[in-house]
PDB file of N, CA and C in Angstrom:
ATOM      1  N   MET A   1       0.539  -1.582  -0.198  1.00  0.00           N
ATOM      2  CA  MET A   1       0.071   0.421   0.039  1.00  0.00           C
ATOM      3  C   MET A   1       0.521   1.130   0.145  1.00  0.00           C
ATOM      4  N   THR A   2       0.533   2.257  -1.058  1.00  0.00           N
ATOM      5  CA  THR A   2       1.112   3.190  -0.870  1.00  0.00           C
ATOM      6  C   THR A   2       0.650   4.729  -0.303  1.00  0.00           C
ATOM      7  N   SER A   3       1.374   5.139   0.405  1.00  0.00           N
ATOM      8  CA  SER A   3       0.597   6.678   0.776  1.00  0.00           C
ATOM      9  C   SER A   3       1.092   7.676   1.027  1.00  0.00           C
ATOM     10  N   GLU A   4       1.120   8.565   0.769  1.00  0.00           N
ATOM     11  CA  GLU A   4       1.384  10.059   0.928  1.00  0.00           C
ATOM     12  C   GLU A   4       1.351  11.153   2.090  1.00  0.00           C
ATOM     13  N   VAL A   5       2.430  11.781   1.814  1.00  0.00           N
ATOM     14  CA  VAL A   5       2.288  12.653   3.471  1.00  0.00           C
ATOM     15  C   VAL A   5       3.351  13.544   2.940  1.00  0.00           C
ATOM     16  N   ASN A   6       3.313  14.994   3.778  1.00  0.00           N
ATOM     17  CA  ASN A   6       3.716  16.257   3.690  1.00  0.00           C
ATOM     18  C   ASN A   6       5.470  15.864   4.397  1.00  0.00           C
ATOM     19  N   ILE A   7       5.986  16.928   4.592  1.00  0.00           N
ATOM     20  CA  ILE A   7       7.109  16.748   5.437  1.00  0.00           C
ATOM     21  C   ILE A   7       6.498  17.515   6.878  1.00  0.00           C
ATOM     22  N   ALA A   8       6.090  18.146   6.723  1.00  0.00           N
ATOM     23  CA  ALA A   8       5.769  18.424   8.282  1.00  0.00           C
ATOM     24  C   ALA A   8       5.453  17.789   9.093  1.00  0.00           C
ATOM     25  N   HIS A   9       3.681  16.727   8.630  1.00  0.00           N
ATOM     26  CA  HIS A   9       3.619  15.640   9.175  1.00  0.00           C
ATOM     27  C   HIS A   9       4.255  14.400   9.029  1.00  0.00           C
ATOM     28  N   LEU A  10       5.285  14.247   8.364  1.00  0.00           N
ATOM     29  CA  LEU A  10       5.955  13.075   8.696  1.00  0.00           C
ATOM     30  C   LEU A  10       7.074  13.525   9.360  1.00  0.00           C
ATOM     31  N   LYS A  11       7.528  14.700  10.183  1.00  0.00           N
ATOM     32  CA  LYS A  11       8.704  14.918  11.291  1.00  0.00           C
ATOM     33  C   LYS A  11       7.619  14.529  12.387  1.00  0.00           C
ATOM     34  N   ALA A  12       6.585  15.152  12.433  1.00  0.00           N
ATOM     35  CA  ALA A  12       5.503  14.965  13.470  1.00  0.00           C
ATOM     36  C   ALA A  12       5.304  13.423  13.670  1.00  0.00           C
ATOM     37  N   HIS A  13       5.138  12.713  12.890  1.00  0.00           N
ATOM     38  CA  HIS A  13       5.138  11.162  13.305  1.00  0.00           C
ATOM     39  C   HIS A  13       5.741  10.257  12.564  1.00  0.00           C
ATOM     40  N   LEU A  14       6.941  10.672  12.492  1.00  0.00           N
ATOM     41  CA  LEU A  14       8.108   9.957  11.974  1.00  0.00           C
ATOM     42  C   LEU A  14       8.081   8.406  12.343  1.00  0.00           C
ATOM     43  N   SER A  15       7.992   8.112  13.619  1.00  0.00           N
ATOM     44  CA  SER A  15       8.056   6.830  14.266  1.00  0.00           C
ATOM     45  C   SER A  15       6.723   5.542  13.674  1.00  0.00           C
ATOM     46  N   GLN A  16       5.348   6.486  13.307  1.00  0.00           N
ATOM     47  CA  GLN A  16       4.356   5.637  12.902  1.00  0.00           C
ATOM     48  C   GLN A  16       4.452   5.119  11.382  1.00  0.00           C
ATOM     49  N   TYR A  17       5.560   6.145  10.279  1.00  0.00           N
ATOM     50  CA  TYR A  17       5.549   5.799   9.311  1.00  0.00           C
ATOM     51  C   TYR A  17       6.815   5.029   9.025  1.00  0.00           C
ATOM     52  N   LEU A  18       7.650   5.156   9.854  1.00  0.00           N
ATOM     53  CA  LEU A  18       8.701   4.015  10.017  1.00  0.00           C
ATOM     54  C   LEU A  18       8.215   2.758  10.195  1.00  0.00           C
ATOM     55  N   ARG A  19       7.413   2.420  11.075  1.00  0.00           N
ATOM     56  CA  ARG A  19       6.734   1.327  11.279  1.00  0.00           C
ATOM     57  C   ARG A  19       6.128   0.719  10.267  1.00  0.00           C
ATOM     58  N   SER A  20       5.509   1.474   9.220  1.00  0.00           N
ATOM     59  CA  SER A  20       4.180   1.314   8.131  1.00  0.00           C
ATOM     60  C   SER A  20       5.284   0.968   7.038  1.00  0.00           C
ATOM     61  N   ALA A  21       6.194   1.558   7.141  1.00  0.00           N
ATOM     62  CA  ALA A  21       7.320   1.155   6.226  1.00  0.00           C
ATOM     63  C   ALA A  21       8.111  -0.302   6.496  1.00  0.00           C
ATOM     64  N   GLN A  22       8.179  -0.541   7.693  1.00  0.00           N
ATOM     65  CA  GLN A  22       8.717  -1.955   7.832  1.00  0.00           C
ATOM     66  C   GLN A  22       8.048  -2.696   7.596  1.00  0.00           C
ATOM     67  N   LYS A  23       6.872  -2.407   7.717  1.00  0.00           N
ATOM     68  CA  LYS A  23       5.045  -3.744   7.221  1.00  0.00           C
ATOM     69  C   LYS A  23       4.988  -4.104   6.224  1.00  0.00           C
ATOM     70  N   GLY A  24       6.135  -3.378   5.002  1.00  0.00           N
ATOM     71  CA  GLY A  24       5.415  -3.240   3.724  1.00  0.00           C
ATOM     72  C   GLY A  24       5.371  -2.263   2.599  1.00  0.00           C
ATOM     73  N   ASN A  25       5.105  -1.156   3.362  1.00  0.00           N
ATOM     74  CA  ASN A  25       3.767   0.162   3.106  1.00  0.00           C
ATOM     75  C   ASN A  25       5.012   0.717   2.450  1.00  0.00           C
ATOM     76  N   GLU A  26       4.912   1.445   1.169  1.00  0.00           N
ATOM     77  CA  GLU A  26       5.588   2.928   0.695  1.00  0.00           C
ATOM     78  C   GLU A  26       5.014   3.943   1.263  1.00  0.00           C
ATOM     79  N   ILE A  27       5.543   4.785   1.481  1.00  0.00           N
ATOM     80  CA  ILE A  27       5.451   6.257   1.501  1.00  0.00           C
ATOM     81  C   ILE A  27       6.112   7.187   0.751  1.00  0.00           C
ATOM     82  N   VAL A  28       5.108   8.449   0.659  1.00  0.00           N
ATOM     83  CA  VAL A  28       5.761   8.549  -0.736  1.00  0.00           C
ATOM     84  C   VAL A  28       5.916  10.332   0.024  1.00  0.00           C
ATOM     85  N   VAL A  29       6.880  10.854  -0.058  1.00  0.00           N
ATOM     86  CA  VAL A  29       7.008  12.257   0.872  1.00  0.00           C
ATOM     87  C   VAL A  29       7.182  13.285   0.081  1.00  0.00           C
ATOM     88  N   LYS A  30       6.126  14.334  -0.088  1.00  0.00           N
ATOM     89  CA  LYS A  30       5.951  15.678  -0.718  1.00  0.00           C
ATOM     90  C   LYS A  30       6.438  16.463  -0.144  1.00  0.00           C
ATOM     91  N   ASP A  31       6.848  17.754  -0.950  1.00  0.00           N
ATOM     92  CA  ASP A  31       7.033  18.924  -0.408  1.00  0.00           C
ATOM     93  C   ASP A  31       5.870  19.761  -1.419  1.00  0.00           C
ATOM     94  N   ARG A  32       4.962  20.651  -0.453  1.00  0.00           N
ATOM     95  CA  ARG A  32       4.012  20.859  -0.656  1.00  0.00           C
ATOM     96  C   ARG A  32       3.098  19.887  -2.111  1.00  0.00           C
ATOM     97  N   GLU A  33       3.231  19.781  -3.164  1.00  0.00           N
ATOM     98  CA  GLU A  33       2.616  18.933  -3.964  1.00  0.00           C
ATOM     99  C   GLU A  33       3.339  17.835  -4.693  1.00  0.00           C
ATOM    100  N   THR A  34       4.847  18.283  -4.570  1.00  0.00           N
ATOM    101  CA  THR A  34       5.494  17.678  -5.489  1.00  0.00           C
ATOM    102  C   THR A  34       6.463  16.286  -4.578  1.00  0.00           C
ATOM    103  N   PRO A  35       6.383  15.179  -5.559  1.00  0.00           N
ATOM    104  CA  PRO A  35       7.061  13.992  -4.641  1.00  0.00           C
ATOM    105  C   PRO A  35       8.188  14.137  -4.807  1.00  0.00           C
ATOM    106  N   ILE A  36       9.001  14.648  -3.050  1.00  0.00           N
ATOM    107  CA  ILE A  36      10.409  13.980  -3.598  1.00  0.00           C
ATOM    108  C   ILE A  36      11.310  13.333  -2.632  1.00  0.00           C
ATOM    109  N   ALA A  37      10.741  12.292  -2.267  1.00  0.00           N
ATOM    110  CA  ALA A  37      11.537  11.073  -1.783  1.00  0.00           C
ATOM    111  C   ALA A  37       9.972  10.216  -1.169  1.00  0.00           C
ATOM    112  N   ARG A  38      10.945   8.511  -1.155  1.00  0.00           N
ATOM    113  CA  ARG A  38      10.126   7.384  -0.922  1.00  0.00           C
ATOM    114  C   ARG A  38      10.604   6.449   0.301  1.00  0.00           C
ATOM    115  N   LEU A  39       9.569   6.215   1.139  1.00  0.00           N
ATOM    116  CA  LEU A  39      10.566   5.583   2.104  1.00  0.00           C
ATOM    117  C   LEU A  39       9.781   4.398   1.749  1.00  0.00           C
ATOM    118  N   VAL A  40      10.818   2.626   1.823  1.00  0.00           N
ATOM    119  CA  VAL A  40      10.344   1.713   1.489  1.00  0.00           C
ATOM    120  C   VAL A  40      11.046   0.818   2.331  1.00  0.00           C
ATOM    121  N   PRO A  41      10.457  -0.351   2.646  1.00  0.00           N
ATOM    122  CA  PRO A  41      10.656  -1.495   3.393  1.00  0.00           C
ATOM    123  C   PRO A  41      11.953  -1.983   3.019  1.00  0.00           C
ATOM    124  N   TYR A  42      13.432  -1.969   4.114  1.00  0.00           N
ATOM    125  CA  TYR A  42      14.916  -2.269   4.220  1.00  0.00           C
ATOM    126  C   TYR A  42      14.654  -3.504   3.368  1.00  0.00           C
ATOM    127  N   GLN A  43      15.418  -3.875   2.286  1.00  0.00           N
ATOM    128  CA  GLN A  43      15.931  -5.498   2.263  1.00  0.00           C
ATOM    129  C   GLN A  43      17.339  -5.806   1.601  1.00  0.00           C
ATOM    130  N   ALA A  44      17.494  -6.712   2.813  1.00  0.00           N
ATOM    131  CA  ALA A  44      19.092  -7.131   2.691  1.00  0.00           C
ATOM    132  C   ALA A  44      19.842  -7.446   1.699  1.00  0.00           C
ATOM    133  N   PRO A  45      20.811  -7.204   1.302  1.00  0.00           N
ATOM    134  CA  PRO A  45      21.470  -7.375   0.294  1.00  0.00           C
ATOM    135  C   PRO A  45      21.871  -8.695   0.054  1.00  0.00           C
ATOM    136  N   ARG A  46      21.976  -9.181  -1.046  1.00  0.00           N
ATOM    137  CA  ARG A  46      21.756 -10.706  -1.702  1.00  0.00           C
ATOM    138  C   ARG A  46      22.792 -11.321  -1.274  1.00  0.00           C
ATOM    139  N   LYS A  47      23.638 -12.668  -0.422  1.00  0.00           N
ATOM    140  CA  LYS A  47      24.624 -12.939  -0.542  1.00  0.00           C
ATOM    141  C   LYS A  47      25.054 -13.217  -2.140  1.00  0.00           C
ATOM    142  N   ARG A  48      26.363 -12.862  -2.480  1.00  0.00           N
ATOM    143  CA  ARG A  48      27.067 -13.314  -3.431  1.00  0.00           C
ATOM    144  C   ARG A  48      27.798 -14.307  -3.488  1.00  0.00           C
ATOM    145  N   LEU A  49      27.976 -15.017  -4.592  1.00  0.00           N
ATOM    146  CA  LEU A  49      28.510 -16.243  -5.041  1.00  0.00           C
ATOM    147  C   LEU A  49      30.010 -15.974  -5.019  1.00  0.00           C
ATOM    148  N   THR A  50      30.668 -16.793  -3.978  1.00  0.00           N
ATOM    149  CA  THR A  50      32.207 -16.505  -3.754  1.00  0.00           C
ATOM    150  C   THR A  50      32.992 -17.457  -4.682  1.00  0.00           C
ATOM    151  N   TYR A  51      33.968 -16.877  -5.271  1.00  0.00           N
ATOM    152  CA  TYR A  51      35.313 -17.506  -6.170  1.00  0.00           C
ATOM    153  C   TYR A  51      36.475 -18.109  -5.478  1.00  0.00           C
ATOM    154  N   ILE A  52      36.033 -19.842  -5.337  1.00  0.00           N
ATOM    155  CA  ILE A  52      37.101 -20.327  -5.022  1.00  0.00           C
ATOM    156  C   ILE A  52      37.902 -20.874  -5.950  1.00  0.00           C
ATOM    157  N   PRO A  53      39.395 -20.356  -5.980  1.00  0.00           N
ATOM    158  CA  PRO A  53      40.256 -21.000  -7.075  1.00  0.00           C
ATOM    159  C   PRO A  53      40.082 -22.402  -7.275  1.00  0.00           C
ATOM    160  N   ALA A  54      40.805 -22.737  -7.938  1.00  0.00           N
ATOM    161  CA  ALA A  54      40.731 -24.201  -8.479  1.00  0.00           C
ATOM    162  C   ALA A  54      41.935 -24.618  -7.715  1.00  0.00           C
ATOM    163  N   THR A  55      42.446 -25.946  -6.879  1.00  0.00           N
ATOM    164  CA  THR A  55      43.314 -26.305  -6.418  1.00  0.00           C
ATOM    165  C   THR A  55      43.899 -27.679  -6.985  1.00  0.00           C
ATOM    166  N   GLY A  56      43.391 -27.959  -8.316  1.00  0.00           N
ATOM    167  CA  GLY A  56      44.376 -29.073  -9.054  1.00  0.00           C
ATOM    168  C   GLY A  56      43.978 -28.807 -10.314  1.00  0.00           C
ATOM    169  N   SER A  57      44.303 -29.549 -11.001  1.00  0.00           N
ATOM    170  CA  SER A  57      44.050 -29.259 -12.642  1.00  0.00           C
ATOM    171  C   SER A  57      43.014 -30.318 -13.514  1.00  0.00           C
ATOM    172  N   LEU A  58      42.631 -30.270 -14.224  1.00  0.00           N
ATOM    173  CA  LEU A  58      41.022 -30.979 -14.544  1.00  0.00           C
ATOM    174  C   LEU A  58      41.798 -32.400 -14.749  1.00  0.00           C
ATOM    175  N   LYS A  59      43.152 -32.523 -15.189  1.00  0.00           N
ATOM    176  CA  LYS A  59      43.643 -33.864 -15.670  1.00  0.00           C
ATOM    177  C   LYS A  59      43.602 -34.282 -14.075  1.00  0.00           C
ATOM    178  N   ASP A  60      43.860 -33.975 -13.064  1.00  0.00           N
ATOM    179  CA  ASP A  60      43.352 -34.346 -11.859  1.00  0.00           C
ATOM    180  C   ASP A  60      42.391 -35.004 -11.652  1.00  0.00           C
ATOM    181  N   LEU A  61      41.136 -34.579 -12.311  1.00  0.00           N
ATOM    182  CA  LEU A  61      39.967 -35.205 -11.771  1.00  0.00           C
ATOM    183  C   LEU A  61      40.009 -36.861 -12.262  1.00  0.00           C
ATOM    184  N   ASP A  62      40.986 -37.129 -13.688  1.00  0.00           N
ATOM    185  CA  ASP A  62      40.708 -38.308 -14.135  1.00  0.00           C
ATOM    186  C   ASP A  62      41.501 -39.534 -13.442  1.00  0.00           C
ATOM    187  N   LYS A  63      42.043 -39.117 -12.521  1.00  0.00           N
ATOM    188  CA  LYS A  63      42.475 -39.586 -10.998  1.00  0.00           C
ATOM    189  C   LYS A  63      41.988 -40.145  -9.978  1.00  0.00           C
ATOM    190  N   LEU A  64      40.625 -39.430  -9.717  1.00  0.00           N
ATOM    191  CA  LEU A  64      40.163 -39.748  -8.745  1.00  0.00           C
ATOM    192  C   LEU A  64      39.306 -40.939  -9.011  1.00  0.00           C
ATOM    193  N   VAL A  65      39.225 -41.689  -7.742  1.00  0.00           N
ATOM    194  CA  VAL A  65      38.457 -43.290  -7.746  1.00  0.00           C
ATOM    195  C   VAL A  65      36.992 -42.953  -7.589  1.00  0.00           C
ATOM    196  N   MET A  66      36.158 -43.369  -8.443  1.00  0.00           N
ATOM    197  CA  MET A  66      35.076 -43.467  -8.047  1.00  0.00           C
ATOM    198  C   MET A  66      34.459 -44.698  -8.236  1.00  0.00           C
ATOM    199  N   THR A  67      33.552 -44.522  -7.056  1.00  0.00           N
ATOM    200  CA  THR A  67      32.757 -45.844  -6.930  1.00  0.00           C
ATOM    201  C   THR A  67      31.144 -45.927  -6.922  1.00  0.00           C
ATOM    202  N   ARG A  68      30.876 -46.892  -7.681  1.00  0.00           N
ATOM    203  CA  ARG A  68      29.278 -46.735  -8.010  1.00  0.00           C
ATOM    204  C   ARG A  68      28.457 -47.609  -6.848  1.00  0.00           C
ATOM    205  N   PRO A  69      27.502 -47.069  -6.487  1.00  0.00           N
ATOM    206  CA  PRO A  69      26.623 -46.944  -5.296  1.00  0.00           C
ATOM    207  C   PRO A  69      26.436 -48.381  -5.235  1.00  0.00           C
ATOM    208  N   LYS A  70      25.901 -49.247  -4.106  1.00  0.00           N
ATOM    209  CA  LYS A  70      25.854 -50.656  -3.794  1.00  0.00           C
ATOM    210  C   LYS A  70      24.246 -50.713  -4.997  1.00  0.00           C
ATOM    211  N   ASN A  71      24.061 -51.743  -5.690  1.00  0.00           N
ATOM    212  CA  ASN A  71      23.456 -52.751  -6.240  1.00  0.00           C
ATOM    213  C   ASN A  71      22.733 -51.155  -7.445  1.00  0.00           C
ATOM    214  N   LEU A  72      24.022 -50.648  -7.871  1.00  0.00           N
ATOM    215  CA  LEU A  72      23.468 -49.807  -8.821  1.00  0.00           C
ATOM    216  C   LEU A  72      23.745 -50.363 -10.277  1.00  0.00           C
ATOM    217  N   LYS A  73      23.289 -50.599 -11.240  1.00  0.00           N
ATOM    218  CA  LYS A  73      23.755 -51.816 -12.239  1.00  0.00           C
ATOM    219  C   LYS A  73      23.454 -50.221 -13.181  1.00  0.00           C
ATOM    220  N   PRO A  74      24.522 -50.636 -14.365  1.00  0.00           N
ATOM    221  CA  PRO A  74      24.766 -49.473 -15.649  1.00  0.00           C
ATOM    222  C   PRO A  74      23.552 -49.212 -15.867  1.00  0.00           C
ATOM    223  N   GLY A  75      23.117 -48.396 -16.388  1.00  0.00           N
ATOM    224  CA  GLY A  75      21.707 -47.751 -17.011  1.00  0.00           C
ATOM    225  C   GLY A  75      20.522 -47.547 -16.012  1.00  0.00           C
ATOM    226  N   ASP A  76      20.776 -47.786 -14.908  1.00  0.00           N
ATOM    227  CA  ASP A  76      19.871 -47.226 -14.107  1.00  0.00           C
ATOM    228  C   ASP A  76      19.597 -46.150 -13.932  1.00  0.00           C
ATOM    229  N   VAL A  77      20.910 -45.152 -13.940  1.00  0.00           N
ATOM    230  CA  VAL A  77      20.351 -43.542 -13.726  1.00  0.00           C
ATOM    231  C   VAL A  77      19.457 -43.103 -14.893  1.00  0.00           C
ATOM    232  N   ASP A  78      19.816 -43.694 -16.254  1.00  0.00           N
ATOM    233  CA  ASP A  78      19.260 -43.257 -17.170  1.00  0.00           C
ATOM    234  C   ASP A  78      17.639 -43.824 -17.300  1.00  0.00           C
ATOM    235  N   GLU A  79      17.484 -44.708 -16.673  1.00  0.00           N
ATOM    236  CA  GLU A  79      16.072 -45.174 -16.808  1.00  0.00           C
ATOM    237  C   GLU A  79      15.534 -44.106 -15.675  1.00  0.00           C
ATOM    238  N   ALA A  80      16.028 -44.097 -14.547  1.00  0.00           N
ATOM    239  CA  ALA A  80      15.529 -43.221 -13.728  1.00  0.00           C
ATOM    240  C   ALA A  80      15.054 -41.712 -14.096  1.00  0.00           C
ATOM    241  N   LEU A  81      16.395 -41.414 -14.939  1.00  0.00           N
ATOM    242  CA  LEU A  81      16.131 -40.098 -15.294  1.00  0.00           C
ATOM    243  C   LEU A  81      14.936 -40.006 -16.702  1.00  0.00           C
ATOM    244  N   GLN A  82      14.777 -41.004 -17.521  1.00  0.00           N
ATOM    245  CA  GLN A  82      13.462 -41.060 -18.185  1.00  0.00           C
ATOM    246  C   GLN A  82      12.011 -41.118 -17.760  1.00  0.00           C
ATOM    247  N   TRP A  83      12.229 -42.027 -16.559  1.00  0.00           N
ATOM    248  CA  TRP A  83      10.579 -41.967 -15.942  1.00  0.00           C
ATOM    249  C   TRP A  83      10.883 -40.453 -15.213  1.00  0.00           C
ATOM    250  N   THR A  84      11.597 -39.823 -14.741  1.00  0.00           N
ATOM    251  CA  THR A  84      11.399 -38.629 -13.896  1.00  0.00           C
ATOM    252  C   THR A  84      10.856 -37.420 -15.050  1.00  0.00           C
ATOM    253  N   ARG A  85      11.474 -37.419 -16.780  1.00  0.00           N
ATOM    254  CA  ARG A  85      11.293 -36.963 -17.480  1.00  0.00           C
ATOM    255  C   ARG A  85       9.945 -37.109 -18.216  1.00  0.00           C
ATOM    256  N   ARG A  86       9.496 -38.193 -18.298  1.00  0.00           N
ATOM    257  CA  ARG A  86       8.126 -38.567 -19.097  1.00  0.00           C
ATOM    258  C   ARG A  86       7.549 -37.911 -19.235  1.00  0.00           C
ATOM    259  N   ASP A  87       7.181 -36.864 -18.938  1.00  0.00           N
ATOM    260  CA  ASP A  87       6.223 -35.556 -19.023  1.00  0.00           C
ATOM    261  C   ASP A  87       6.733 -35.126 -20.017  1.00  0.00           C
ATOM    262  N   ARG A  88       7.964 -34.555 -20.408  1.00  0.00           N
ATOM    263  CA  ARG A  88       8.442 -34.008 -21.412  1.00  0.00           C
ATOM    264  C   ARG A  88       8.351 -34.576 -22.872  1.00  0.00           C
ATOM    265  N   PHE A  89       8.201 -35.815 -23.100  1.00  0.00           N
ATOM    266  CA  PHE A  89       7.695 -36.398 -24.377  1.00  0.00           C
ATOM    267  C   PHE A  89       6.546 -36.564 -24.297  1.00  0.00           C
ATOM    268  N   GLU A  90       6.275 -37.021 -25.653  1.00  0.00           N
ATOM    269  CA  GLU A  90       4.618 -37.541 -25.960  1.00  0.00           C
ATOM    270  C   GLU A  90       4.478 -38.398 -25.857  1.00  0.00           C
ATOM    271  N   ASP A  91       5.100 -39.204 -26.233  1.00  0.00           N
ATOM    272  CA  ASP A  91       4.665 -41.186 -26.183  1.00  0.00           C
ATOM    273  C   ASP A  91       5.067 -41.743 -24.993  1.00  0.00           C
ATOM    274  N   GLY A  92       6.060 -40.277 -24.315  1.00  0.00           N
ATOM    275  CA  GLY A  92       6.384 -41.120 -22.888  1.00  0.00           C
ATOM    276  C   GLY A  92       7.069 -42.055 -22.365  1.00  0.00           C
ATOM    277  N   ASP A  93       7.922 -43.008 -23.611  1.00  0.00           N
ATOM    278  CA  ASP A  93       8.671 -43.745 -23.490  1.00  0.00           C
ATOM    279  C   ASP A  93      10.069 -43.687 -24.338  1.00  0.00           C
ATOM    280  N   GLN A  94      10.306 -42.161 -24.324  1.00  0.00           N
ATOM    281  CA  GLN A  94      11.569 -41.642 -24.724  1.00  0.00           C
ATOM    282  C   GLN A  94      12.583 -41.710 -23.572  1.00  0.00           C
TER     283      GLN A  94
END
């Protein structure tokens, strides 16, 4: 909800308008009839992704020992993915 207030009224009732903004309302501050500012709810800045430099080369990935989960046969993952994505295909068996 947006409300408008002149400077004198804002000064007299500042805490009331700040609580209103905290609840999600927008307050437009006017000097006579000219809008000069907006009070809006505070939003914390989003966390940015951090960059972590590589500690090894891509060739080192080939040297990693990979183990297959117990009771998982070749093709099981493909079959599960096809079943999960069955709604993306018209005939359902792709």
